[in-house]
Every structure is written in structure tokens, then in C-alpha cells.
Amino acid sequence: MTIYKISGKLFPTPPFDFSKSLSFAGMFSPTSDEQTISGASLTKAVYLKKMTMAFKVKDIGTVEKPVLSYNLYAYDEIRDEIKI
């Protein structure tokens, strides 16, 4: 079975500390079992526009020069309307 993958980068407005977002996601009990937080990354599966996919977002920048890398994964080709 083919797994489709799209990768890219996001550039949040500085200052931006992704570790604070990960900290909040890790302690927010209503969604505690819906994602995996490991190091400076978050991995989660979602259902969006009739498509199931997983994504991983990882901090690769700094607070003053924030950069997040992302990967989207799906069993079906990821449509343009879903791409970031």
C-alpha cells in the first residue's frame, strides 16, 4: 500500500515558542490520548474533508526565528484543497 507524504515548513510570527504549545497540548486532558508529543514534535491523526491523515510538526527554529517543519501522511493522494 502506498503512503503519500507532503513536507513543508511553517514560519510563525516571532516571538513564538513551540515548546509552550507542546506543553499545553500535553497537559490538556480532553485531548491527552489524541496525539503523541516527543521532544520538540507533535504527531496526530485527523479526519479532514472526508480524508484521514496523520501529521507531524517539529520545531526546527528558535523563539526569535521560529520555523516548524511538517509532514502530512495519507493512504490516498492528498488533494490540493488540503495542502498547506
PDB file of N, CA and C in Angstrom:
ATOM      1  N   MET A   1       0.838  -1.166   0.000  1.00  0.00           N
ATOM      2  CA  MET A   1       0.000   0.000   0.000  1.00  0.00           C
ATOM      3  C   MET A   1       0.894   1.244   0.000  1.00  0.00           C
ATOM      4  N   THR A   2       0.561   2.206  -0.829  1.00  0.00           N
ATOM      5  CA  THR A   2       1.310   3.449  -0.937  1.00  0.00           C
ATOM      6  C   THR A   2       0.891   4.424   0.160  1.00  0.00           C
ATOM      7  N   ILE A   3       1.869   5.051   0.743  1.00  0.00           N
ATOM      8  CA  ILE A   3       1.603   6.131   1.690  1.00  0.00           C
ATOM      9  C   ILE A   3       2.095   7.414   1.041  1.00  0.00           C
ATOM     10  N   TYR A   4       1.187   8.364   0.894  1.00  0.00           N
ATOM     11  CA  TYR A   4       1.526   9.651   0.303  1.00  0.00           C
ATOM     12  C   TYR A   4       2.041  10.571   1.404  1.00  0.00           C
ATOM     13  N   LYS A   5       3.026  11.393   1.045  1.00  0.00           N
ATOM     14  CA  LYS A   5       3.641  12.275   2.029  1.00  0.00           C
ATOM     15  C   LYS A   5       3.871  13.649   1.404  1.00  0.00           C
ATOM     16  N   ILE A   6       3.565  14.672   2.163  1.00  0.00           N
ATOM     17  CA  ILE A   6       3.868  16.049   1.774  1.00  0.00           C
ATOM     18  C   ILE A   6       4.636  16.678   2.931  1.00  0.00           C
ATOM     19  N   SER A   7       5.703  17.370   2.607  1.00  0.00           N
ATOM     20  CA  SER A   7       6.511  18.033   3.624  1.00  0.00           C
ATOM     21  C   SER A   7       6.585  19.520   3.335  1.00  0.00           C
ATOM     22  N   GLY A   8       6.800  20.294   4.380  1.00  0.00           N
ATOM     23  CA  GLY A   8       6.951  21.727   4.195  1.00  0.00           C
ATOM     24  C   GLY A   8       7.378  22.391   5.485  1.00  0.00           C
ATOM     25  N   LYS A   9       7.381  23.712   5.451  1.00  0.00           N
ATOM     26  CA  LYS A   9       7.764  24.493   6.622  1.00  0.00           C
ATOM     27  C   LYS A   9       6.733  25.580   6.875  1.00  0.00           C
ATOM     28  N   LEU A  10       6.572  25.900   8.136  1.00  0.00           N
ATOM     29  CA  LEU A  10       5.714  26.994   8.577  1.00  0.00           C
ATOM     30  C   LEU A  10       6.597  28.013   9.287  1.00  0.00           C
ATOM     31  N   PHE A  11       6.249  29.282   9.130  1.00  0.00           N
ATOM     32  CA  PHE A  11       7.052  30.354   9.709  1.00  0.00           C
ATOM     33  C   PHE A  11       6.175  31.237  10.605  1.00  0.00           C
ATOM     34  N   PRO A  12       6.002  30.832  11.879  1.00  0.00           N
ATOM     35  CA  PRO A  12       5.178  31.622  12.800  1.00  0.00           C
ATOM     36  C   PRO A  12       5.785  33.016  13.023  1.00  0.00           C
ATOM     37  N   THR A  13       4.934  33.948  13.422  1.00  0.00           N
ATOM     38  CA  THR A  13       5.387  35.297  13.732  1.00  0.00           C
ATOM     39  C   THR A  13       6.163  35.282  15.050  1.00  0.00           C
ATOM     40  N   PRO A  14       7.395  35.777  15.047  1.00  0.00           N
ATOM     41  CA  PRO A  14       8.166  35.803  16.289  1.00  0.00           C
ATOM     42  C   PRO A  14       7.636  36.874  17.249  1.00  0.00           C
ATOM     43  N   PRO A  15       7.896  36.725  18.524  1.00  0.00           N
ATOM     44  CA  PRO A  15       8.472  35.542  19.158  1.00  0.00           C
ATOM     45  C   PRO A  15       7.430  34.429  19.258  1.00  0.00           C
ATOM     46  N   PHE A  16       7.868  33.210  19.032  1.00  0.00           N
ATOM     47  CA  PHE A  16       6.983  32.051  19.092  1.00  0.00           C
ATOM     48  C   PHE A  16       7.753  30.892  19.704  1.00  0.00           C
ATOM     49  N   ASP A  17       7.231  30.346  20.790  1.00  0.00           N
ATOM     50  CA  ASP A  17       7.881  29.240  21.490  1.00  0.00           C
ATOM     51  C   ASP A  17       7.003  27.991  21.370  1.00  0.00           C
ATOM     52  N   PHE A  18       7.342  27.126  20.415  1.00  0.00           N
ATOM     53  CA  PHE A  18       6.545  25.918  20.167  1.00  0.00           C
ATOM     54  C   PHE A  18       6.529  25.006  21.391  1.00  0.00           C
ATOM     55  N   SER A  19       7.566  25.061  22.198  1.00  0.00           N
ATOM     56  CA  SER A  19       7.599  24.196  23.393  1.00  0.00           C
ATOM     57  C   SER A  19       6.446  24.539  24.345  1.00  0.00           C
ATOM     58  N   LYS A  20       6.029  25.786  24.381  1.00  0.00           N
ATOM     59  CA  LYS A  20       4.884  26.172  25.222  1.00  0.00           C
ATOM     60  C   LYS A  20       3.588  25.574  24.668  1.00  0.00           C
ATOM     61  N   SER A  21       3.457  25.537  23.351  1.00  0.00           N
ATOM     62  CA  SER A  21       2.285  24.907  22.729  1.00  0.00           C
ATOM     63  C   SER A  21       2.276  23.409  23.016  1.00  0.00           C
ATOM     64  N   LEU A  22       3.444  22.779  22.920  1.00  0.00           N
ATOM     65  CA  LEU A  22       3.541  21.341  23.210  1.00  0.00           C
ATOM     66  C   LEU A  22       3.226  21.067  24.676  1.00  0.00           C
ATOM     67  N   SER A  23       3.693  21.932  25.541  1.00  0.00           N
ATOM     68  CA  SER A  23       3.424  21.782  26.969  1.00  0.00           C
ATOM     69  C   SER A  23       1.924  21.831  27.244  1.00  0.00           C
ATOM     70  N   PHE A  24       1.251  22.806  26.634  1.00  0.00           N
ATOM     71  CA  PHE A  24      -0.194  22.924  26.819  1.00  0.00           C
ATOM     72  C   PHE A  24      -0.906  21.691  26.264  1.00  0.00           C
ATOM     73  N   ALA A  25      -0.541  21.264  25.037  1.00  0.00           N
ATOM     74  CA  ALA A  25      -1.178  20.094  24.427  1.00  0.00           C
ATOM     75  C   ALA A  25      -0.977  18.847  25.277  1.00  0.00           C
ATOM     76  N   GLY A  26       0.177  18.737  25.911  1.00  0.00           N
ATOM     77  CA  GLY A  26       0.474  17.577  26.744  1.00  0.00           C
ATOM     78  C   GLY A  26      -0.306  17.528  28.037  1.00  0.00           C
ATOM     79  N   MET A  27      -0.693  18.691  28.546  1.00  0.00           N
ATOM     80  CA  MET A  27      -1.423  18.702  29.823  1.00  0.00           C
ATOM     81  C   MET A  27      -2.926  18.899  29.654  1.00  0.00           C
ATOM     82  N   PHE A  28      -3.391  19.146  28.436  1.00  0.00           N
ATOM     83  CA  PHE A  28      -4.809  19.393  28.186  1.00  0.00           C
ATOM     84  C   PHE A  28      -5.542  18.056  28.165  1.00  0.00           C
ATOM     85  N   SER A  29      -6.145  17.703  29.291  1.00  0.00           N
ATOM     86  CA  SER A  29      -6.705  16.360  29.468  1.00  0.00           C
ATOM     87  C   SER A  29      -7.793  15.960  28.467  1.00  0.00           C
ATOM     88  N   PRO A  30      -8.653  16.853  27.947  1.00  0.00           N
ATOM     89  CA  PRO A  30      -9.669  16.391  26.996  1.00  0.00           C
ATOM     90  C   PRO A  30      -9.098  15.762  25.718  1.00  0.00           C
ATOM     91  N   THR A  31      -7.851  16.102  25.374  1.00  0.00           N
ATOM     92  CA  THR A  31      -7.261  15.535  24.157  1.00  0.00           C
ATOM     93  C   THR A  31      -5.972  14.763  24.449  1.00  0.00           C
ATOM     94  N   SER A  32      -5.768  14.380  25.672  1.00  0.00           N
ATOM     95  CA  SER A  32      -4.487  13.785  26.071  1.00  0.00           C
ATOM     96  C   SER A  32      -4.135  12.495  25.327  1.00  0.00           C
ATOM     97  N   ASP A  33      -5.114  11.742  24.886  1.00  0.00           N
ATOM     98  CA  ASP A  33      -4.813  10.489  24.180  1.00  0.00           C
ATOM     99  C   ASP A  33      -4.925  10.616  22.661  1.00  0.00           C
ATOM    100  N   GLU A  34      -5.049  11.839  22.158  1.00  0.00           N
ATOM    101  CA  GLU A  34      -5.254  12.042  20.728  1.00  0.00           C
ATOM    102  C   GLU A  34      -3.982  12.358  19.955  1.00  0.00           C
ATOM    103  N   GLN A  35      -2.886  12.601  20.637  1.00  0.00           N
ATOM    104  CA  GLN A  35      -1.643  12.932  19.954  1.00  0.00           C
ATOM    105  C   GLN A  35      -0.464  12.388  20.733  1.00  0.00           C
ATOM    106  N   THR A  36       0.685  12.392  20.069  1.00  0.00           N
ATOM    107  CA  THR A  36       1.921  11.979  20.715  1.00  0.00           C
ATOM    108  C   THR A  36       2.876  13.163  20.691  1.00  0.00           C
ATOM    109  N   ILE A  37       3.423  13.470  21.841  1.00  0.00           N
ATOM    110  CA  ILE A  37       4.404  14.540  21.944  1.00  0.00           C
ATOM    111  C   ILE A  37       5.722  13.890  22.319  1.00  0.00           C
ATOM    112  N   SER A  38       6.733  14.171  21.506  1.00  0.00           N
ATOM    113  CA  SER A  38       8.043  13.587  21.735  1.00  0.00           C
ATOM    114  C   SER A  38       9.102  14.629  21.409  1.00  0.00           C
ATOM    115  N   GLY A  39       9.889  14.990  22.402  1.00  0.00           N
ATOM    116  CA  GLY A  39      10.901  16.013  22.175  1.00  0.00           C
ATOM    117  C   GLY A  39      10.243  17.314  21.741  1.00  0.00           C
ATOM    118  N   ALA A  40      10.625  17.810  20.585  1.00  0.00           N
ATOM    119  CA  ALA A  40      10.100  19.085  20.074  1.00  0.00           C
ATOM    120  C   ALA A  40       9.086  18.862  18.962  1.00  0.00           C
ATOM    121  N   SER A  41       8.349  17.725  19.015  1.00  0.00           N
ATOM    122  CA  SER A  41       7.402  17.441  17.929  1.00  0.00           C
ATOM    123  C   SER A  41       6.057  16.936  18.449  1.00  0.00           C
ATOM    124  N   LEU A  42       5.054  17.103  17.598  1.00  0.00           N
ATOM    125  CA  LEU A  42       3.705  16.630  17.877  1.00  0.00           C
ATOM    126  C   LEU A  42       3.243  15.811  16.681  1.00  0.00           C
ATOM    127  N   THR A  43       2.701  14.629  16.936  1.00  0.00           N
ATOM    128  CA  THR A  43       2.176  13.759  15.885  1.00  0.00           C
ATOM    129  C   THR A  43       0.722  13.463  16.210  1.00  0.00           C
ATOM    130  N   LYS A  44      -0.135  13.545  15.194  1.00  0.00           N
ATOM    131  CA  LYS A  44      -1.566  13.370  15.419  1.00  0.00           C
ATOM    132  C   LYS A  44      -2.230  12.885  14.140  1.00  0.00           C
ATOM    133  N   ALA A  45      -3.316  12.149  14.265  1.00  0.00           N
ATOM    134  CA  ALA A  45      -4.143  11.753  13.129  1.00  0.00           C
ATOM    135  C   ALA A  45      -5.424  12.583  13.167  1.00  0.00           C
ATOM    136  N   VAL A  46      -5.900  12.968  11.987  1.00  0.00           N
ATOM    137  CA  VAL A  46      -7.114  13.781  11.885  1.00  0.00           C
ATOM    138  C   VAL A  46      -7.959  13.309  10.704  1.00  0.00           C
ATOM    139  N   TYR A  47      -9.219  13.669  10.736  1.00  0.00           N
ATOM    140  CA  TYR A  47     -10.135  13.435   9.626  1.00  0.00           C
ATOM    141  C   TYR A  47     -10.548  14.804   9.121  1.00  0.00           C
ATOM    142  N   LEU A  48     -10.186  15.114   7.870  1.00  0.00           N
ATOM    143  CA  LEU A  48     -10.392  16.445   7.326  1.00  0.00           C
ATOM    144  C   LEU A  48     -10.898  16.339   5.897  1.00  0.00           C
ATOM    145  N   LYS A  49     -12.028  16.948   5.622  1.00  0.00           N
ATOM    146  CA  LYS A  49     -12.621  16.961   4.279  1.00  0.00           C
ATOM    147  C   LYS A  49     -12.706  15.559   3.687  1.00  0.00           C
ATOM    148  N   LYS A  50     -13.286  14.649   4.479  1.00  0.00           N
ATOM    149  CA  LYS A  50     -13.513  13.259   4.085  1.00  0.00           C
ATOM    150  C   LYS A  50     -12.219  12.491   3.817  1.00  0.00           C
ATOM    151  N   MET A  51     -11.166  12.861   4.522  1.00  0.00           N
ATOM    152  CA  MET A  51      -9.873  12.209   4.339  1.00  0.00           C
ATOM    153  C   MET A  51      -9.197  12.025   5.695  1.00  0.00           C
ATOM    154  N   THR A  52      -8.708  10.814   5.946  1.00  0.00           N
ATOM    155  CA  THR A  52      -7.955  10.543   7.163  1.00  0.00           C
ATOM    156  C   THR A  52      -6.474  10.710   6.859  1.00  0.00           C
ATOM    157  N   MET A  53      -5.800  11.435   7.717  1.00  0.00           N
ATOM    158  CA  MET A  53      -4.363  11.623   7.535  1.00  0.00           C
ATOM    159  C   MET A  53      -3.693  11.807   8.881  1.00  0.00           C
ATOM    160  N   ALA A  54      -2.396  11.640   8.875  1.00  0.00           N
ATOM    161  CA  ALA A  54      -1.594  11.901  10.063  1.00  0.00           C
ATOM    162  C   ALA A  54      -0.645  13.045   9.726  1.00  0.00           C
ATOM    163  N   PHE A  55      -0.255  13.771  10.760  1.00  0.00           N
ATOM    164  CA  PHE A  55       0.732  14.813  10.537  1.00  0.00           C
ATOM    165  C   PHE A  55       1.711  14.854  11.696  1.00  0.00           C
ATOM    166  N   LYS A  56       2.884  15.354  11.391  1.00  0.00           N
ATOM    167  CA  LYS A  56       3.909  15.565  12.409  1.00  0.00           C
ATOM    168  C   LYS A  56       4.441  16.977  12.228  1.00  0.00           C
ATOM    169  N   VAL A  57       4.472  17.733  13.309  1.00  0.00           N
ATOM    170  CA  VAL A  57       5.005  19.091  13.308  1.00  0.00           C
ATOM    171  C   VAL A  57       6.182  19.110  14.274  1.00  0.00           C
ATOM    172  N   LYS A  58       7.303  19.651  13.799  1.00  0.00           N
ATOM    173  CA  LYS A  58       8.522  19.650  14.617  1.00  0.00           C
ATOM    174  C   LYS A  58       9.148  21.040  14.622  1.00  0.00           C
ATOM    175  N   ASP A  59       9.592  21.457  15.788  1.00  0.00           N
ATOM    176  CA  ASP A  59      10.268  22.739  15.949  1.00  0.00           C
ATOM    177  C   ASP A  59      11.702  22.604  15.457  1.00  0.00           C
ATOM    178  N   ILE A  60      12.066  23.421  14.463  1.00  0.00           N
ATOM    179  CA  ILE A  60      13.441  23.409  13.972  1.00  0.00           C
ATOM    180  C   ILE A  60      14.063  24.807  14.015  1.00  0.00           C
ATOM    181  N   GLY A  61      13.374  25.732  14.652  1.00  0.00           N
ATOM    182  CA  GLY A  61      13.865  27.103  14.723  1.00  0.00           C
ATOM    183  C   GLY A  61      14.147  27.520  16.153  1.00  0.00           C
ATOM    184  N   THR A  62      14.082  28.818  16.374  1.00  0.00           N
ATOM    185  CA  THR A  62      14.277  29.389  17.704  1.00  0.00           C
ATOM    186  C   THR A  62      13.071  30.262  18.030  1.00  0.00           C
ATOM    187  N   VAL A  63      12.997  30.751  19.240  1.00  0.00           N
ATOM    188  CA  VAL A  63      11.896  31.632  19.631  1.00  0.00           C
ATOM    189  C   VAL A  63      11.923  32.903  18.791  1.00  0.00           C
ATOM    190  N   GLU A  64      13.099  33.430  18.538  1.00  0.00           N
ATOM    191  CA  GLU A  64      13.223  34.664  17.758  1.00  0.00           C
ATOM    192  C   GLU A  64      13.149  34.440  16.246  1.00  0.00           C
ATOM    193  N   LYS A  65      13.515  33.256  15.783  1.00  0.00           N
ATOM    194  CA  LYS A  65      13.411  32.899  14.356  1.00  0.00           C
ATOM    195  C   LYS A  65      12.708  31.547  14.257  1.00  0.00           C
ATOM    196  N   PRO A  66      11.396  31.549  14.529  1.00  0.00           N
ATOM    197  CA  PRO A  66      10.666  30.275  14.586  1.00  0.00           C
ATOM    198  C   PRO A  66      10.452  29.654  13.202  1.00  0.00           C
ATOM    199  N   VAL A  67      10.683  28.352  13.147  1.00  0.00           N
ATOM    200  CA  VAL A  67      10.417  27.559  11.948  1.00  0.00           C
ATOM    201  C   VAL A  67       9.896  26.213  12.423  1.00  0.00           C
ATOM    202  N   LEU A  68       8.792  25.773  11.841  1.00  0.00           N
ATOM    203  CA  LEU A  68       8.240  24.452  12.122  1.00  0.00           C
ATOM    204  C   LEU A  68       8.267  23.655  10.826  1.00  0.00           C
ATOM    205  N   SER A  69       8.769  22.443  10.885  1.00  0.00           N
ATOM    206  CA  SER A  69       8.677  21.560   9.725  1.00  0.00           C
ATOM    207  C   SER A  69       7.448  20.679   9.921  1.00  0.00           C
ATOM    208  N   TYR A  70       6.818  20.302   8.812  1.00  0.00           N
ATOM    209  CA  TYR A  70       5.660  19.421   8.920  1.00  0.00           C
ATOM    210  C   TYR A  70       5.715  18.341   7.849  1.00  0.00           C
ATOM    211  N   ASN A  71       5.097  17.225   8.171  1.00  0.00           N
ATOM    212  CA  ASN A  71       4.873  16.125   7.234  1.00  0.00           C
ATOM    213  C   ASN A  71       3.413  15.725   7.350  1.00  0.00           C
ATOM    214  N   LEU A  72       2.754  15.575   6.211  1.00  0.00           N
ATOM    215  CA  LEU A  72       1.393  15.037   6.155  1.00  0.00           C
ATOM    216  C   LEU A  72       1.489  13.655   5.533  1.00  0.00           C
ATOM    217  N   TYR A  73       0.759  12.688   6.066  1.00  0.00           N
ATOM    218  CA  TYR A  73       0.764  11.313   5.565  1.00  0.00           C
ATOM    219  C   TYR A  73      -0.667  10.851   5.338  1.00  0.00           C
ATOM    220  N   ALA A  74      -0.898  10.157   4.219  1.00  0.00           N
ATOM    221  CA  ALA A  74      -2.237   9.622   3.934  1.00  0.00           C
ATOM    222  C   ALA A  74      -2.115   8.420   3.004  1.00  0.00           C
ATOM    223  N   TYR A  75      -3.133   7.565   3.053  1.00  0.00           N
ATOM    224  CA  TYR A  75      -3.182   6.416   2.146  1.00  0.00           C
ATOM    225  C   TYR A  75      -3.705   6.806   0.768  1.00  0.00           C
ATOM    226  N   ASP A  76      -4.385   7.944   0.679  1.00  0.00           N
ATOM    227  CA  ASP A  76      -4.869   8.454  -0.604  1.00  0.00           C
ATOM    228  C   ASP A  76      -4.069   9.698  -0.958  1.00  0.00           C
ATOM    229  N   GLU A  77      -4.014  10.027  -2.235  1.00  0.00           N
ATOM    230  CA  GLU A  77      -3.312  11.228  -2.647  1.00  0.00           C
ATOM    231  C   GLU A  77      -3.922  12.440  -1.944  1.00  0.00           C
ATOM    232  N   ILE A  78      -3.076  13.291  -1.421  1.00  0.00           N
ATOM    233  CA  ILE A  78      -3.535  14.455  -0.662  1.00  0.00           C
ATOM    234  C   ILE A  78      -3.941  15.547  -1.649  1.00  0.00           C
ATOM    235  N   ARG A  79      -5.214  15.890  -1.597  1.00  0.00           N
ATOM    236  CA  ARG A  79      -5.771  16.864  -2.556  1.00  0.00           C
ATOM    237  C   ARG A  79      -5.255  18.276  -2.301  1.00  0.00           C
ATOM    238  N   ASP A  80      -5.236  19.087  -3.346  1.00  0.00           N
ATOM    239  CA  ASP A  80      -4.756  20.469  -3.262  1.00  0.00           C
ATOM    240  C   ASP A  80      -5.490  21.268  -2.193  1.00  0.00           C
ATOM    241  N   GLU A  81      -6.777  21.034  -2.006  1.00  0.00           N
ATOM    242  CA  GLU A  81      -7.550  21.806  -1.030  1.00  0.00           C
ATOM    243  C   GLU A  81      -7.131  21.541   0.405  1.00  0.00           C
ATOM    244  N   ILE A  82      -6.373  20.484   0.630  1.00  0.00           N
ATOM    245  CA  ILE A  82      -5.915  20.131   1.975  1.00  0.00           C
ATOM    246  C   ILE A  82      -4.465  20.568   2.195  1.00  0.00           C
ATOM    247  N   LYS A  83      -3.702  20.669   1.130  1.00  0.00           N
ATOM    248  CA  LYS A  83      -2.295  21.032   1.249  1.00  0.00           C
ATOM    249  C   LYS A  83      -2.137  22.394   1.883  1.00  0.00           C
ATOM    250  N   ILE A  84      -1.073  22.535   2.640  1.00  0.00           N
ATOM    251  CA  ILE A  84      -0.781  23.814   3.315  1.00  0.00           C
ATOM    252  C   ILE A  84      -0.030  24.708   2.359  1.00  0.00           C
TER     253      ILE A  84
END
